[in-house]
Amino acid sequence: MKKAMVQLSGVPQAKEMMVDPAKGTLSDGEEALRLDFPLSGNVYGTAMNYKGNLDEFGLSLHEDPYKKPPEAPVLYMKPRNTFTGPETNIAIPDGETEVEIGASLAIVFGRTTSKVQEKNALDYVSGYTIVNDISIPHESIHRPAIKEKSRDGFCAAGPWIVSKDDVINPDDLGIRIYVNGALRQEHSTSELVRPVGKLIADVSSFMTFSKGDVLLVGLPPGAPRVQSGDEVRIQIDEIGALTNHFVSEHSYVKEGNR
């Protein structure tokens, strides 16, 4: 059992509870409790931070305007309209047949973080959760993919925030994506170009995180694609499992979700 901050649906404040990440249950056995989006701050994503990410772009990174791969962290934001919690329906926009599933470990900051050193960067972390960073498939690398990554519901998070002290090593966590129960992707945070402490140090060197802000460590290469009717479960060792269901935008609206 691990200590976690749990955001229950309809309850204003998150509650500290004991959870079982392997089984996805709460300590009191109330599995039927509906969990809500657990994050309160800004959510920042990190691009190209897994070994193998650069290979997916091929020679494109050597073309104008940059002519070489990035040397500093490449960031983007997931705005609040994208936020959704566990077990929710996520709409695939009209005109699109599939979306990409991005499985990421999410770092949740516990206090103001600015210009910290790698060796003590984890002192500023309160915990970790899982984020499904969803995108419309695209090849945009030279301009922000806002239209593709910022659709409503395209940032699912949860099921809870596990305390930093209950995660032995954030740089060695297995990450798996299951689609309709079948394993579709398996990676580990040991494959990060910038490990968690290094990433925090590098990014905080030029921007400040506030308490509750979130930094995604990156998305593994080879993101699986899903269609309407698919169920996606992202599992991260020592954290838990995040499940969501994908539906057509037409069905989503018809069911009264907007």
C-alpha atoms as a PDB file:
ATOM      1  CA  MET A   1       0.000   0.000   0.000  1.00  0.00           C
ATOM      2  CA  LYS A   2       1.166   3.533  -0.775  1.00  0.00           C
ATOM      3  CA  LYS A   3       0.209   6.981   0.430  1.00  0.00           C
ATOM      4  CA  ALA A   4      -1.557   9.034  -2.261  1.00  0.00           C
ATOM      5  CA  MET A   5      -3.572  12.213  -2.701  1.00  0.00           C
ATOM      6  CA  VAL A   6      -6.960  11.169  -4.090  1.00  0.00           C
ATOM      7  CA  GLN A   7      -9.385  13.587  -5.729  1.00  0.00           C
ATOM      8  CA  LEU A   8     -12.923  12.218  -5.383  1.00  0.00           C
ATOM      9  CA  SER A   9     -15.560  13.421  -7.814  1.00  0.00           C
ATOM     10  CA  GLY A  10     -17.800  16.070  -6.232  1.00  0.00           C
ATOM     11  CA  VAL A  11     -15.461  16.625  -3.271  1.00  0.00           C
ATOM     12  CA  PRO A  12     -13.703  20.035  -3.218  1.00  0.00           C
ATOM     13  CA  GLN A  13     -10.449  18.989  -1.548  1.00  0.00           C
ATOM     14  CA  ALA A  14      -8.147  16.078  -2.337  1.00  0.00           C
ATOM     15  CA  LYS A  15      -7.922  13.482   0.431  1.00  0.00           C
ATOM     16  CA  GLU A  16      -4.889  11.518   1.574  1.00  0.00           C
ATOM     17  CA  MET A  17      -5.606   7.778   1.393  1.00  0.00           C
ATOM     18  CA  MET A  18      -3.741   4.486   1.194  1.00  0.00           C
ATOM     19  CA  VAL A  19      -3.923   2.900  -2.262  1.00  0.00           C
ATOM     20  CA  ASP A  20      -2.806  -0.292  -3.964  1.00  0.00           C
ATOM     21  CA  PRO A  21      -1.234   0.661  -7.332  1.00  0.00           C
ATOM     22  CA  ALA A  22      -1.116  -2.944  -8.550  1.00  0.00           C
ATOM     23  CA  LYS A  23      -4.837  -3.548  -7.960  1.00  0.00           C
ATOM     24  CA  GLY A  24      -5.978   0.037  -8.490  1.00  0.00           C
ATOM     25  CA  THR A  25      -7.967   0.063  -5.248  1.00  0.00           C
ATOM     26  CA  LEU A  26      -8.307   2.241  -2.168  1.00  0.00           C
ATOM     27  CA  SER A  27      -7.488   0.999   1.306  1.00  0.00           C
ATOM     28  CA  ASP A  28     -11.109   0.970   2.442  1.00  0.00           C
ATOM     29  CA  GLY A  29     -12.106  -1.237  -0.464  1.00  0.00           C
ATOM     30  CA  GLU A  30     -14.497   1.301  -1.969  1.00  0.00           C
ATOM     31  CA  GLU A  31     -13.567   0.593  -5.581  1.00  0.00           C
ATOM     32  CA  ALA A  32     -16.856   2.115  -6.759  1.00  0.00           C
ATOM     33  CA  LEU A  33     -15.808   5.600  -5.663  1.00  0.00           C
ATOM     34  CA  ARG A  34     -15.544   7.861  -8.671  1.00  0.00           C
ATOM     35  CA  LEU A  35     -12.157   9.547  -8.905  1.00  0.00           C
ATOM     36  CA  ASP A  36     -11.679  12.987 -10.458  1.00  0.00           C
ATOM     37  CA  PHE A  37      -8.839  14.771 -12.247  1.00  0.00           C
ATOM     38  CA  PRO A  38      -6.217  14.995  -9.455  1.00  0.00           C
ATOM     39  CA  LEU A  39      -4.104  17.940 -10.638  1.00  0.00           C
ATOM     40  CA  SER A  40      -4.533  21.607  -9.700  1.00  0.00           C
ATOM     41  CA  GLY A  41      -1.732  23.489 -11.465  1.00  0.00           C
ATOM     42  CA  ASN A  42      -0.400  24.062 -14.958  1.00  0.00           C
ATOM     43  CA  VAL A  43       0.600  20.991 -16.970  1.00  0.00           C
ATOM     44  CA  TYR A  44       3.762  21.195 -19.084  1.00  0.00           C
ATOM     45  CA  GLY A  45       4.795  18.472 -21.513  1.00  0.00           C
ATOM     46  CA  THR A  46       8.329  17.581 -22.572  1.00  0.00           C
ATOM     47  CA  ALA A  47       8.964  16.574 -26.177  1.00  0.00           C
ATOM     48  CA  MET A  48      11.718  14.265 -27.478  1.00  0.00           C
ATOM     49  CA  ASN A  49      12.964  13.153 -24.055  1.00  0.00           C
ATOM     50  CA  TYR A  50      13.010   9.410 -24.748  1.00  0.00           C
ATOM     51  CA  LYS A  51      15.774   7.572 -26.537  1.00  0.00           C
ATOM     52  CA  GLY A  52      14.336   6.787 -29.929  1.00  0.00           C
ATOM     53  CA  ASN A  53      12.189   9.933 -30.213  1.00  0.00           C
ATOM     54  CA  LEU A  54      14.668  11.662 -32.516  1.00  0.00           C
ATOM     55  CA  ASP A  55      14.814   8.636 -34.798  1.00  0.00           C
ATOM     56  CA  GLU A  56      11.077   9.002 -35.464  1.00  0.00           C
ATOM     57  CA  PHE A  57      11.688  12.369 -37.144  1.00  0.00           C
ATOM     58  CA  GLY A  58      14.508  11.138 -39.382  1.00  0.00           C
ATOM     59  CA  LEU A  59      16.209  13.860 -41.433  1.00  0.00           C
ATOM     60  CA  SER A  60      13.429  16.399 -40.721  1.00  0.00           C
ATOM     61  CA  LEU A  61      15.271  17.731 -37.675  1.00  0.00           C
ATOM     62  CA  HIS A  62      18.229  18.672 -39.876  1.00  0.00           C
ATOM     63  CA  GLU A  63      16.124  20.810 -42.224  1.00  0.00           C
ATOM     64  CA  ASP A  64      15.237  24.517 -42.005  1.00  0.00           C
ATOM     65  CA  PRO A  65      14.648  26.401 -39.804  1.00  0.00           C
ATOM     66  CA  TYR A  66      16.668  24.616 -37.074  1.00  0.00           C
ATOM     67  CA  LYS A  67      19.028  22.374 -39.089  1.00  0.00           C
ATOM     68  CA  LYS A  68      19.927  20.252 -36.056  1.00  0.00           C
ATOM     69  CA  PRO A  69      18.220  18.382 -33.198  1.00  0.00           C
ATOM     70  CA  PRO A  70      17.327  20.453 -30.102  1.00  0.00           C
ATOM     71  CA  GLU A  71      19.926  20.731 -27.355  1.00  0.00           C
ATOM     72  CA  ALA A  72      17.661  22.204 -24.643  1.00  0.00           C
ATOM     73  CA  PRO A  73      14.348  20.762 -23.345  1.00  0.00           C
ATOM     74  CA  VAL A  74      11.439  21.256 -25.755  1.00  0.00           C
ATOM     75  CA  LEU A  75       8.239  22.077 -23.864  1.00  0.00           C
ATOM     76  CA  TYR A  76       4.544  22.525 -24.612  1.00  0.00           C
ATOM     77  CA  MET A  77       1.427  23.071 -22.498  1.00  0.00           C
ATOM     78  CA  LYS A  78      -1.752  21.088 -22.019  1.00  0.00           C
ATOM     79  CA  PRO A  79      -4.412  23.777 -21.343  1.00  0.00           C
ATOM     80  CA  ARG A  80      -7.245  23.310 -18.863  1.00  0.00           C
ATOM     81  CA  ASN A  81      -9.831  22.432 -21.509  1.00  0.00           C
ATOM     82  CA  THR A  82      -7.873  19.206 -22.071  1.00  0.00           C
ATOM     83  CA  PHE A  83      -8.138  18.026 -18.447  1.00  0.00           C
ATOM     84  CA  THR A  84     -10.187  14.914 -17.657  1.00  0.00           C
ATOM     85  CA  GLY A  85     -10.054  12.205 -15.023  1.00  0.00           C
ATOM     86  CA  PRO A  86     -10.001   8.401 -14.832  1.00  0.00           C
ATOM     87  CA  GLU A  87     -12.705   6.258 -16.477  1.00  0.00           C
ATOM     88  CA  THR A  88     -14.053   9.161 -18.548  1.00  0.00           C
ATOM     89  CA  ASN A  89     -15.116   9.093 -22.200  1.00  0.00           C
ATOM     90  CA  ILE A  90     -12.777  10.996 -24.534  1.00  0.00           C
ATOM     91  CA  ALA A  91     -14.090  12.183 -27.883  1.00  0.00           C
ATOM     92  CA  ILE A  92     -12.262  11.555 -31.135  1.00  0.00           C
ATOM     93  CA  PRO A  93     -12.942  14.751 -33.130  1.00  0.00           C
ATOM     94  CA  ASP A  94     -15.184  14.618 -36.165  1.00  0.00           C
ATOM     95  CA  GLY A  95     -13.114  14.133 -39.292  1.00  0.00           C
ATOM     96  CA  GLU A  96     -10.510  12.041 -37.462  1.00  0.00           C
ATOM     97  CA  THR A  97     -10.511   8.250 -37.423  1.00  0.00           C
ATOM     98  CA  GLU A  98      -7.872   7.732 -34.719  1.00  0.00           C
ATOM     99  CA  VAL A  99      -5.741   9.438 -32.078  1.00  0.00           C
ATOM    100  CA  GLU A 100      -2.308   8.741 -30.597  1.00  0.00           C
ATOM    101  CA  ILE A 101      -1.887   7.623 -26.991  1.00  0.00           C
ATOM    102  CA  GLY A 102       1.045   9.153 -25.100  1.00  0.00           C
ATOM    103  CA  ALA A 103       1.879   7.514 -21.761  1.00  0.00           C
ATOM    104  CA  SER A 104       3.788   9.757 -19.381  1.00  0.00           C
ATOM    105  CA  LEU A 105       4.982   9.825 -15.816  1.00  0.00           C
ATOM    106  CA  ALA A 106       3.892  13.184 -14.385  1.00  0.00           C
ATOM    107  CA  ILE A 107       5.978  15.058 -11.804  1.00  0.00           C
ATOM    108  CA  VAL A 108       3.855  17.067  -9.336  1.00  0.00           C
ATOM    109  CA  PHE A 109       5.688  19.914  -7.599  1.00  0.00           C
ATOM    110  CA  GLY A 110       5.172  20.458  -3.882  1.00  0.00           C
ATOM    111  CA  ARG A 111       6.609  23.967  -3.650  1.00  0.00           C
ATOM    112  CA  THR A 112       8.011  26.820  -5.706  1.00  0.00           C
ATOM    113  CA  THR A 113      10.809  25.441  -7.856  1.00  0.00           C
ATOM    114  CA  SER A 114      13.329  27.706  -9.567  1.00  0.00           C
ATOM    115  CA  LYS A 115      16.970  27.232 -10.564  1.00  0.00           C
ATOM    116  CA  VAL A 116      17.427  24.029  -8.571  1.00  0.00           C
ATOM    117  CA  GLN A 117      20.348  21.637  -8.896  1.00  0.00           C
ATOM    118  CA  GLU A 118      19.956  18.087 -10.168  1.00  0.00           C
ATOM    119  CA  LYS A 119      21.242  16.591  -6.915  1.00  0.00           C
ATOM    120  CA  ASN A 120      18.395  18.075  -4.842  1.00  0.00           C
ATOM    121  CA  ALA A 121      15.710  18.465  -7.519  1.00  0.00           C
ATOM    122  CA  LEU A 122      13.513  15.708  -6.050  1.00  0.00           C
ATOM    123  CA  ASP A 123      13.265  17.680  -2.789  1.00  0.00           C
ATOM    124  CA  TYR A 124      10.800  19.940  -4.625  1.00  0.00           C
ATOM    125  CA  VAL A 125       8.539  17.099  -5.770  1.00  0.00           C
ATOM    126  CA  SER A 126       5.424  16.117  -3.809  1.00  0.00           C
ATOM    127  CA  GLY A 127       4.474  13.081  -5.872  1.00  0.00           C
ATOM    128  CA  TYR A 128       3.811  11.402  -9.190  1.00  0.00           C
ATOM    129  CA  THR A 129       0.805  10.437 -11.277  1.00  0.00           C
ATOM    130  CA  ILE A 130      -0.036   9.103 -14.742  1.00  0.00           C
ATOM    131  CA  VAL A 131      -1.006  11.250 -17.724  1.00  0.00           C
ATOM    132  CA  ASN A 132      -2.458  10.101 -21.027  1.00  0.00           C
ATOM    133  CA  ASP A 133      -1.208  12.853 -23.347  1.00  0.00           C
ATOM    134  CA  ILE A 134      -3.471  12.416 -26.377  1.00  0.00           C
ATOM    135  CA  SER A 135      -2.786  13.827 -29.841  1.00  0.00           C
ATOM    136  CA  ILE A 136      -4.210  13.820 -33.310  1.00  0.00           C
ATOM    137  CA  PRO A 137      -1.479  12.171 -35.448  1.00  0.00           C
ATOM    138  CA  HIS A 138       0.731  14.858 -36.982  1.00  0.00           C
ATOM    139  CA  GLU A 139       4.210  15.509 -38.329  1.00  0.00           C
ATOM    140  CA  SER A 140       4.580  19.050 -37.001  1.00  0.00           C
ATOM    141  CA  ILE A 141       8.009  19.601 -35.435  1.00  0.00           C
ATOM    142  CA  HIS A 142       8.810  23.167 -36.461  1.00  0.00           C
ATOM    143  CA  ARG A 143       5.701  24.794 -34.972  1.00  0.00           C
ATOM    144  CA  PRO A 144       3.553  24.045 -31.900  1.00  0.00           C
ATOM    145  CA  ALA A 145       0.968  21.336 -32.581  1.00  0.00           C
ATOM    146  CA  ILE A 146      -1.749  23.233 -30.707  1.00  0.00           C
ATOM    147  CA  LYS A 147      -4.664  22.044 -32.843  1.00  0.00           C
ATOM    148  CA  GLU A 148      -3.502  18.440 -32.560  1.00  0.00           C
ATOM    149  CA  LYS A 149      -2.669  18.325 -28.828  1.00  0.00           C
ATOM    150  CA  SER A 150      -5.108  20.778 -27.224  1.00  0.00           C
ATOM    151  CA  ARG A 151      -8.536  19.311 -27.976  1.00  0.00           C
ATOM    152  CA  ASP A 152     -11.066  18.951 -25.165  1.00  0.00           C
ATOM    153  CA  GLY A 153     -10.251  15.928 -22.985  1.00  0.00           C
ATOM    154  CA  PHE A 154      -6.801  15.353 -24.470  1.00  0.00           C
ATOM    155  CA  CYS A 155      -5.045  15.249 -21.063  1.00  0.00           C
ATOM    156  CA  ALA A 156      -6.359  12.454 -18.859  1.00  0.00           C
ATOM    157  CA  ALA A 157      -4.676  12.111 -15.451  1.00  0.00           C
ATOM    158  CA  GLY A 158      -4.917   9.904 -12.403  1.00  0.00           C
ATOM    159  CA  PRO A 159      -5.994   7.823 -10.730  1.00  0.00           C
ATOM    160  CA  TRP A 160      -4.219   9.587  -7.848  1.00  0.00           C
ATOM    161  CA  ILE A 161      -0.949  11.279  -6.892  1.00  0.00           C
ATOM    162  CA  VAL A 162       1.414   8.837  -5.184  1.00  0.00           C
ATOM    163  CA  SER A 163       3.704  10.403  -2.574  1.00  0.00           C
ATOM    164  CA  LYS A 164       7.301  10.917  -3.693  1.00  0.00           C
ATOM    165  CA  ASP A 165       8.498   8.934  -0.678  1.00  0.00           C
ATOM    166  CA  ASP A 166       6.634   5.839  -1.917  1.00  0.00           C
ATOM    167  CA  VAL A 167       8.341   5.775  -5.317  1.00  0.00           C
ATOM    168  CA  ILE A 168      11.742   4.109  -4.972  1.00  0.00           C
ATOM    169  CA  ASN A 169      13.310   5.378  -8.203  1.00  0.00           C
ATOM    170  CA  PRO A 170      11.349   7.490 -10.721  1.00  0.00           C
ATOM    171  CA  ASP A 171      14.077   6.806 -13.293  1.00  0.00           C
ATOM    172  CA  ASP A 172      13.334   3.078 -13.383  1.00  0.00           C
ATOM    173  CA  LEU A 173       9.566   2.656 -13.741  1.00  0.00           C
ATOM    174  CA  GLY A 174       7.980   0.354 -16.290  1.00  0.00           C
ATOM    175  CA  ILE A 175       5.284   1.968 -18.459  1.00  0.00           C
ATOM    176  CA  ARG A 176       2.738  -0.093 -20.393  1.00  0.00           C
ATOM    177  CA  ILE A 177      -0.228   0.752 -22.617  1.00  0.00           C
ATOM    178  CA  TYR A 178      -3.068  -1.754 -22.981  1.00  0.00           C
ATOM    179  CA  VAL A 179      -5.748  -1.317 -25.650  1.00  0.00           C
ATOM    180  CA  ASN A 180      -8.869  -3.422 -25.075  1.00  0.00           C
ATOM    181  CA  GLY A 181      -6.815  -5.517 -22.664  1.00  0.00           C
ATOM    182  CA  ALA A 182      -3.966  -6.251 -25.100  1.00  0.00           C
ATOM    183  CA  LEU A 183      -0.448  -4.934 -24.444  1.00  0.00           C
ATOM    184  CA  ARG A 184       0.389  -2.417 -27.191  1.00  0.00           C
ATOM    185  CA  GLN A 185       3.463  -0.627 -25.837  1.00  0.00           C
ATOM    186  CA  GLU A 186       6.071  -1.217 -23.134  1.00  0.00           C
ATOM    187  CA  HIS A 187       8.889   1.123 -22.125  1.00  0.00           C
ATOM    188  CA  SER A 188      10.655   2.389 -18.990  1.00  0.00           C
ATOM    189  CA  THR A 189      11.688   5.735 -17.582  1.00  0.00           C
ATOM    190  CA  SER A 190      15.218   4.308 -17.630  1.00  0.00           C
ATOM    191  CA  GLU A 191      15.117   5.283 -21.328  1.00  0.00           C
ATOM    192  CA  LEU A 192      14.805   9.014 -20.616  1.00  0.00           C
ATOM    193  CA  VAL A 193      17.385  11.285 -22.245  1.00  0.00           C
ATOM    194  CA  ARG A 194      17.130  13.602 -19.258  1.00  0.00           C
ATOM    195  CA  PRO A 195      16.314  11.664 -16.062  1.00  0.00           C
ATOM    196  CA  VAL A 196      13.773  13.209 -13.692  1.00  0.00           C
ATOM    197  CA  GLY A 197      16.250  15.214 -11.581  1.00  0.00           C
ATOM    198  CA  LYS A 198      18.162  16.470 -14.627  1.00  0.00           C
ATOM    199  CA  LEU A 199      14.934  17.446 -16.401  1.00  0.00           C
ATOM    200  CA  ILE A 200      13.721  19.438 -13.384  1.00  0.00           C
ATOM    201  CA  ALA A 201      17.076  21.195 -13.066  1.00  0.00           C
ATOM    202  CA  ASP A 202      17.286  22.067 -16.773  1.00  0.00           C
ATOM    203  CA  VAL A 203      13.731  23.371 -17.065  1.00  0.00           C
ATOM    204  CA  SER A 204      13.748  25.247 -13.735  1.00  0.00           C
ATOM    205  CA  SER A 205      16.870  27.062 -14.906  1.00  0.00           C
ATOM    206  CA  PHE A 206      14.692  29.270 -17.120  1.00  0.00           C
ATOM    207  CA  MET A 207      11.166  29.011 -15.660  1.00  0.00           C
ATOM    208  CA  THR A 208       9.563  28.740 -12.236  1.00  0.00           C
ATOM    209  CA  PHE A 209       7.138  26.013 -11.191  1.00  0.00           C
ATOM    210  CA  SER A 210       4.546  26.774  -8.516  1.00  0.00           C
ATOM    211  CA  LYS A 211       3.122  24.344  -5.989  1.00  0.00           C
ATOM    212  CA  GLY A 212       0.773  21.996  -7.823  1.00  0.00           C
ATOM    213  CA  ASP A 213       2.335  22.509 -11.265  1.00  0.00           C
ATOM    214  CA  VAL A 214       3.077  19.402 -13.295  1.00  0.00           C
ATOM    215  CA  LEU A 215       5.897  18.424 -15.658  1.00  0.00           C
ATOM    216  CA  LEU A 216       5.485  15.400 -17.932  1.00  0.00           C
ATOM    217  CA  VAL A 217       8.785  13.560 -18.379  1.00  0.00           C
ATOM    218  CA  GLY A 218       8.113  12.712 -22.029  1.00  0.00           C
ATOM    219  CA  LEU A 219       6.349  10.246 -24.334  1.00  0.00           C
ATOM    220  CA  PRO A 220       7.955   6.964 -25.454  1.00  0.00           C
ATOM    221  CA  PRO A 221       8.434   6.429 -29.208  1.00  0.00           C
ATOM    222  CA  GLY A 222       5.955   4.411 -31.235  1.00  0.00           C
ATOM    223  CA  ALA A 223       2.749   5.775 -29.689  1.00  0.00           C
ATOM    224  CA  PRO A 224      -0.143   3.388 -30.388  1.00  0.00           C
ATOM    225  CA  ARG A 225      -3.245   4.699 -32.161  1.00  0.00           C
ATOM    226  CA  VAL A 226      -6.809   4.006 -31.077  1.00  0.00           C
ATOM    227  CA  GLN A 227     -10.276   4.414 -32.543  1.00  0.00           C
ATOM    228  CA  SER A 228     -13.791   4.979 -31.306  1.00  0.00           C
ATOM    229  CA  GLY A 229     -14.894   2.110 -29.085  1.00  0.00           C
ATOM    230  CA  ASP A 230     -11.421   1.373 -27.713  1.00  0.00           C
ATOM    231  CA  GLU A 231     -10.546   1.212 -24.020  1.00  0.00           C
ATOM    232  CA  VAL A 232      -7.058   2.383 -23.036  1.00  0.00           C
ATOM    233  CA  ARG A 233      -5.277   1.520 -19.785  1.00  0.00           C
ATOM    234  CA  ILE A 234      -1.889   3.044 -18.977  1.00  0.00           C
ATOM    235  CA  GLN A 235      -0.009   1.309 -16.185  1.00  0.00           C
ATOM    236  CA  ILE A 236       3.099   2.678 -14.485  1.00  0.00           C
ATOM    237  CA  ASP A 237       4.960   0.656 -11.872  1.00  0.00           C
ATOM    238  CA  GLU A 238       4.482   1.889  -8.287  1.00  0.00           C
ATOM    239  CA  ILE A 239       1.884   4.465  -9.422  1.00  0.00           C
ATOM    240  CA  GLY A 240      -1.197   2.574 -10.620  1.00  0.00           C
ATOM    241  CA  ALA A 241      -3.339   2.392 -13.747  1.00  0.00           C
ATOM    242  CA  LEU A 242      -5.286   5.056 -15.648  1.00  0.00           C
ATOM    243  CA  THR A 243      -8.205   3.890 -17.801  1.00  0.00           C
ATOM    244  CA  ASN A 244     -10.233   5.893 -20.335  1.00  0.00           C
ATOM    245  CA  HIS A 245     -12.716   5.111 -23.088  1.00  0.00           C
ATOM    246  CA  PHE A 246     -12.691   6.580 -26.589  1.00  0.00           C
ATOM    247  CA  VAL A 247     -15.871   7.472 -28.441  1.00  0.00           C
ATOM    248  CA  SER A 248     -16.810   9.399 -31.558  1.00  0.00           C
ATOM    249  CA  GLU A 249     -17.486  13.099 -31.086  1.00  0.00           C
ATOM    250  CA  HIS A 250     -21.021  12.523 -32.346  1.00  0.00           C
ATOM    251  CA  SER A 251     -21.674   9.897 -29.668  1.00  0.00           C
ATOM    252  CA  TYR A 252     -19.996  12.055 -27.029  1.00  0.00           C
ATOM    253  CA  VAL A 253     -22.321  14.998 -27.720  1.00  0.00           C
ATOM    254  CA  LYS A 254     -25.384  12.776 -28.067  1.00  0.00           C
ATOM    255  CA  GLU A 255     -24.785  11.318 -24.605  1.00  0.00           C
ATOM    256  CA  GLY A 256     -24.904  14.813 -23.109  1.00  0.00           C
ATOM    257  CA  ASN A 257     -21.228  15.275 -22.326  1.00  0.00           C
ATOM    258  CA  ARG A 258     -21.278  18.856 -23.622  1.00  0.00           C
END
